[in-house]
Amino acid sequence: MSNYIKGKTIFLTGACGGLGSAIALKLSQLEANLIITDKNPRSLNKMCDELLKRDLPEPVIYPMDLVGATPNDYSKLSKQLRDNFGHLDGLIHTAAEFGSLTPFLLYEASRWLKEMQVNVNSPIFLTQALLPLILKAKGTIVFTSDDLNTISKAYWGQYGVGKAAIEHFAHILAKECDNQGVKVKTITPPPMNTQLRAKAWPAENADKLKKPLQVADLYINALSD
């Protein structure tokens, strides 16, 4: 596994979240050429400092707030990656937006649109912009889903709709890339001790949940498979 990841160029979204930061650490330990993005530049800088303190390779930081990002922003990113790296071996989507469990009658339109942008539109258009670089490397695209049996129940709102949409999109894209050497995978992590889960299950005993570092290996294996 480590021999495959070493030197590979990987783009990671949501890099400062619980899961994203764990994946970033694992990839750095395996000496990947890591490009990390998140909406908070300060958090990205802190993560970079933490990796350097561990004597790990310095990642490339690319701050991007997916709420306001447009296809033009993704095209600009694609050009910069092409000019600096030439190709992309992996694209991992972990960025997610979730507020709280809410009855649809009380769901504000502005919140729905914000969550739709982060959970559905952004990963789709970002993938489209970076796909030529991934095709060049015959790389891997990894989407993050959730337990659809749970999030299709009442009050899950756009988050539930969005994850179902991403799974369907990933299935379509996998069929299109089937004969082009690009792998498209969807990972549904087990329940983890993260801030996002705590919003939905505030009374849950976090000690009984998986730690993000334990789950990160699922993503490393997806790249290496």
Protein backbone atom coordinates (compact mmCIF):
# COMPACT_ATOMS: atom_id res chain seq x y z
CA MET A 1 0.00 0.00 0.00
CA SER A 2 2.71 2.48 0.99
CA ASN A 3 4.67 1.83 -2.18
CA TYR A 4 1.65 2.75 -4.28
CA ILE A 5 0.80 5.97 -2.45
CA LYS A 6 4.36 7.33 -2.25
CA GLY A 7 4.81 10.13 -4.76
CA LYS A 8 1.20 10.07 -5.93
CA THR A 9 -0.58 13.40 -6.31
CA ILE A 10 -3.81 13.45 -4.30
CA PHE A 11 -6.37 16.25 -3.98
CA LEU A 12 -8.42 16.19 -0.76
CA THR A 13 -11.50 18.28 0.04
CA GLY A 14 -12.76 18.95 3.56
CA ALA A 15 -9.21 18.46 4.76
CA CYS A 16 -9.74 20.16 8.12
CA GLY A 17 -12.76 18.09 9.16
CA GLY A 18 -12.50 15.11 11.44
CA LEU A 19 -12.32 12.56 8.64
CA GLY A 20 -10.45 14.80 6.20
CA SER A 21 -7.67 15.62 8.65
CA ALA A 22 -7.21 11.93 9.45
CA ILE A 23 -6.91 11.08 5.75
CA ALA A 24 -4.46 13.95 5.26
CA LEU A 25 -2.27 12.61 8.06
CA LYS A 26 -2.28 9.08 6.64
CA LEU A 27 -1.46 10.28 3.12
CA SER A 28 1.36 12.44 4.42
CA GLN A 29 2.79 9.51 6.37
CA LEU A 30 2.78 7.54 3.11
CA GLU A 31 4.64 10.40 1.37
CA ALA A 32 1.94 11.41 -1.10
CA ASN A 33 2.09 14.72 -2.93
CA LEU A 34 -0.89 16.10 -1.07
CA ILE A 35 -3.05 19.06 -2.03
CA ILE A 36 -5.52 20.01 0.69
CA THR A 37 -8.49 22.33 0.49
CA ASP A 38 -10.98 23.63 3.02
CA LYS A 39 -13.04 26.75 3.58
CA ASN A 40 -10.90 27.94 6.51
CA PRO A 41 -7.39 29.14 5.53
CA ARG A 42 -6.35 29.39 9.18
CA SER A 43 -7.24 25.75 9.79
CA LEU A 44 -5.34 24.73 6.68
CA ASN A 45 -2.26 26.55 7.93
CA LYS A 46 -2.58 24.87 11.34
CA MET A 47 -2.81 21.49 9.67
CA CYS A 48 0.25 22.23 7.59
CA ASP A 49 2.16 23.23 10.74
CA GLU A 50 1.06 20.03 12.49
CA LEU A 51 2.31 17.87 9.63
CA LEU A 52 5.63 19.68 9.55
CA LYS A 53 6.01 19.20 13.32
CA ARG A 54 5.79 15.47 12.66
CA ASP A 55 8.54 15.77 10.02
CA LEU A 56 6.06 14.88 7.30
CA PRO A 57 6.01 16.34 3.77
CA GLU A 58 4.52 19.81 3.49
CA PRO A 59 1.17 19.73 1.67
CA VAL A 60 0.07 22.23 -0.94
CA ILE A 61 -2.67 24.43 0.51
CA TYR A 62 -5.55 25.58 -1.69
CA PRO A 63 -8.23 27.43 0.33
CA MET A 64 -11.66 27.18 -1.26
CA ASP A 65 -15.07 27.85 0.21
CA LEU A 66 -17.32 25.44 -1.66
CA VAL A 67 -20.42 27.47 -0.78
CA GLY A 68 -19.37 30.28 -3.10
CA ALA A 69 -17.22 28.36 -5.57
CA THR A 70 -18.29 28.30 -9.22
CA PRO A 71 -17.33 26.14 -12.21
CA ASN A 72 -14.95 28.94 -13.21
CA ASP A 73 -13.16 28.57 -9.88
CA TYR A 74 -12.80 24.85 -10.50
CA SER A 75 -11.45 25.48 -13.99
CA LYS A 76 -8.87 27.85 -12.53
CA LEU A 77 -7.88 25.19 -10.01
CA SER A 78 -7.59 22.58 -12.75
CA LYS A 79 -5.25 24.82 -14.75
CA GLN A 80 -3.03 25.43 -11.72
CA LEU A 81 -2.82 21.72 -10.97
CA ARG A 82 -2.05 20.96 -14.61
CA ASP A 83 0.69 23.59 -14.72
CA ASN A 84 2.28 22.45 -11.45
CA PHE A 85 1.68 18.68 -11.40
CA GLY A 86 0.57 17.66 -14.88
CA HIS A 87 -1.83 15.00 -13.65
CA LEU A 88 -3.83 13.85 -10.63
CA ASP A 89 -3.67 10.33 -9.22
CA GLY A 90 -6.50 10.73 -6.75
CA LEU A 91 -9.43 12.96 -5.81
CA ILE A 92 -11.04 12.40 -2.42
CA HIS A 93 -14.27 14.17 -1.46
CA THR A 94 -14.90 14.47 2.28
CA ALA A 95 -16.31 18.02 2.50
CA ALA A 96 -19.87 18.03 3.85
CA GLU A 97 -22.42 20.49 5.20
CA PHE A 98 -25.01 19.55 7.82
CA GLY A 99 -26.79 21.78 10.28
CA SER A 100 -29.24 19.73 12.31
CA LEU A 101 -32.15 17.32 12.03
CA THR A 102 -35.02 19.55 10.94
CA PRO A 103 -38.64 19.05 9.83
CA PHE A 104 -38.95 19.99 6.17
CA LEU A 105 -41.72 22.46 6.98
CA LEU A 106 -39.15 24.49 8.94
CA TYR A 107 -36.26 24.06 6.50
CA GLU A 108 -35.05 27.45 5.32
CA ALA A 109 -34.50 27.73 1.57
CA SER A 110 -31.14 29.46 2.09
CA ARG A 111 -29.90 26.56 4.20
CA TRP A 112 -31.11 23.99 1.66
CA LEU A 113 -29.31 25.78 -1.16
CA LYS A 114 -26.11 26.10 0.88
CA GLU A 115 -26.10 22.40 1.73
CA MET A 116 -26.95 21.48 -1.85
CA GLN A 117 -23.99 23.51 -3.04
CA VAL A 118 -21.49 21.81 -0.73
CA ASN A 119 -22.91 18.29 -0.72
CA VAL A 120 -23.90 17.90 -4.37
CA ASN A 121 -23.02 20.69 -6.80
CA SER A 122 -19.46 21.29 -5.66
CA PRO A 123 -18.22 17.69 -5.74
CA ILE A 124 -19.85 17.16 -9.12
CA PHE A 125 -18.41 20.25 -10.81
CA LEU A 126 -15.05 19.88 -9.09
CA THR A 127 -14.85 16.32 -10.40
CA GLN A 128 -15.76 17.49 -13.88
CA ALA A 129 -12.99 20.12 -13.85
CA LEU A 130 -10.33 17.72 -12.57
CA LEU A 131 -11.37 14.68 -14.57
CA PRO A 132 -8.98 15.33 -17.49
CA LEU A 133 -6.04 15.28 -15.04
CA ILE A 134 -7.35 12.08 -13.46
CA LEU A 135 -7.86 10.45 -16.84
CA LYS A 136 -4.27 11.27 -17.73
CA ALA A 137 -3.03 9.39 -14.65
CA LYS A 138 -5.72 6.68 -14.77
CA GLY A 139 -6.39 7.68 -11.20
CA THR A 140 -9.12 7.20 -8.63
CA ILE A 141 -12.07 9.33 -7.53
CA VAL A 142 -13.51 8.66 -4.08
CA PHE A 143 -16.83 10.04 -2.88
CA THR A 144 -18.05 9.93 0.72
CA SER A 145 -21.61 8.80 1.40
CA ASP A 146 -23.52 7.88 4.54
CA ASP A 147 -25.85 5.10 5.66
CA LEU A 148 -28.79 5.64 3.32
CA ASN A 149 -31.04 3.48 5.49
CA THR A 150 -30.58 6.05 8.26
CA ILE A 151 -30.49 9.32 6.35
CA SER A 152 -33.54 8.51 4.25
CA LYS A 153 -35.67 8.77 7.39
CA ALA A 154 -37.52 11.83 8.66
CA TYR A 155 -35.76 15.14 9.31
CA TRP A 156 -32.53 14.45 7.43
CA GLY A 157 -33.41 17.07 4.82
CA GLN A 158 -30.90 18.03 2.18
CA TYR A 159 -28.09 15.97 3.71
CA GLY A 160 -30.11 12.81 3.14
CA VAL A 161 -31.13 13.89 -0.35
CA GLY A 162 -27.59 14.99 -1.18
CA LYS A 163 -25.88 11.75 -0.20
CA ALA A 164 -28.37 9.74 -2.24
CA ALA A 165 -27.72 12.03 -5.21
CA ILE A 166 -23.94 11.67 -4.90
CA GLU A 167 -24.18 7.88 -4.78
CA HIS A 168 -26.27 7.92 -7.95
CA PHE A 169 -23.90 10.34 -9.67
CA ALA A 170 -20.87 8.22 -8.69
CA HIS A 171 -22.58 5.16 -10.18
CA ILE A 172 -23.18 6.96 -13.48
CA LEU A 173 -19.62 8.32 -13.58
CA ALA A 174 -18.16 4.89 -12.84
CA LYS A 175 -19.98 3.50 -15.87
CA GLU A 176 -18.64 6.29 -18.07
CA CYS A 177 -15.07 5.77 -16.83
CA ASP A 178 -15.23 1.99 -16.90
CA ASN A 179 -13.15 1.61 -20.06
CA GLN A 180 -10.88 4.61 -19.48
CA GLY A 181 -8.79 3.31 -16.59
CA VAL A 182 -10.30 5.62 -13.96
CA LYS A 183 -11.80 4.07 -10.83
CA VAL A 184 -14.80 5.74 -9.19
CA LYS A 185 -15.59 4.58 -5.67
CA THR A 186 -18.05 5.52 -2.95
CA ILE A 187 -17.22 4.92 0.70
CA THR A 188 -19.79 4.85 3.47
CA PRO A 189 -17.80 5.29 6.68
CA PRO A 190 -18.97 3.60 9.88
CA PRO A 191 -20.27 5.87 12.65
CA MET A 192 -17.37 8.12 13.68
CA ASN A 193 -16.58 10.52 16.48
CA THR A 194 -16.86 13.75 14.48
CA GLN A 195 -18.50 17.14 14.93
CA LEU A 196 -20.88 16.43 12.07
CA ARG A 197 -22.23 13.27 13.72
CA ALA A 198 -22.52 15.02 17.08
CA LYS A 199 -24.98 17.47 15.49
CA ALA A 200 -27.33 14.61 14.68
CA TRP A 201 -26.66 12.45 17.74
CA PRO A 202 -25.72 14.86 20.56
CA ALA A 203 -26.45 12.37 23.36
CA GLU A 204 -24.47 9.53 21.80
CA ASN A 205 -21.50 8.05 23.67
CA ALA A 206 -18.64 9.13 21.43
CA ASP A 207 -16.27 6.63 23.05
CA LYS A 208 -18.17 3.82 21.35
CA LEU A 209 -17.66 5.29 17.88
CA LYS A 210 -14.82 4.71 15.47
CA LYS A 211 -12.07 7.29 15.46
CA PRO A 212 -11.50 9.02 12.10
CA LEU A 213 -7.92 7.69 11.98
CA GLN A 214 -9.33 4.17 12.06
CA VAL A 215 -11.63 4.97 9.15
CA ALA A 216 -9.00 6.77 7.06
CA ASP A 217 -7.51 3.46 5.95
CA LEU A 218 -10.67 2.78 3.94
CA TYR A 219 -9.72 5.72 1.72
CA ILE A 220 -6.07 4.73 1.49
CA ASN A 221 -7.10 1.25 0.43
CA ALA A 222 -9.49 2.69 -2.15
CA LEU A 223 -6.59 4.55 -3.76
CA SER A 224 -4.32 1.53 -3.59
CA ASP A 225 -6.77 -1.09 -4.85
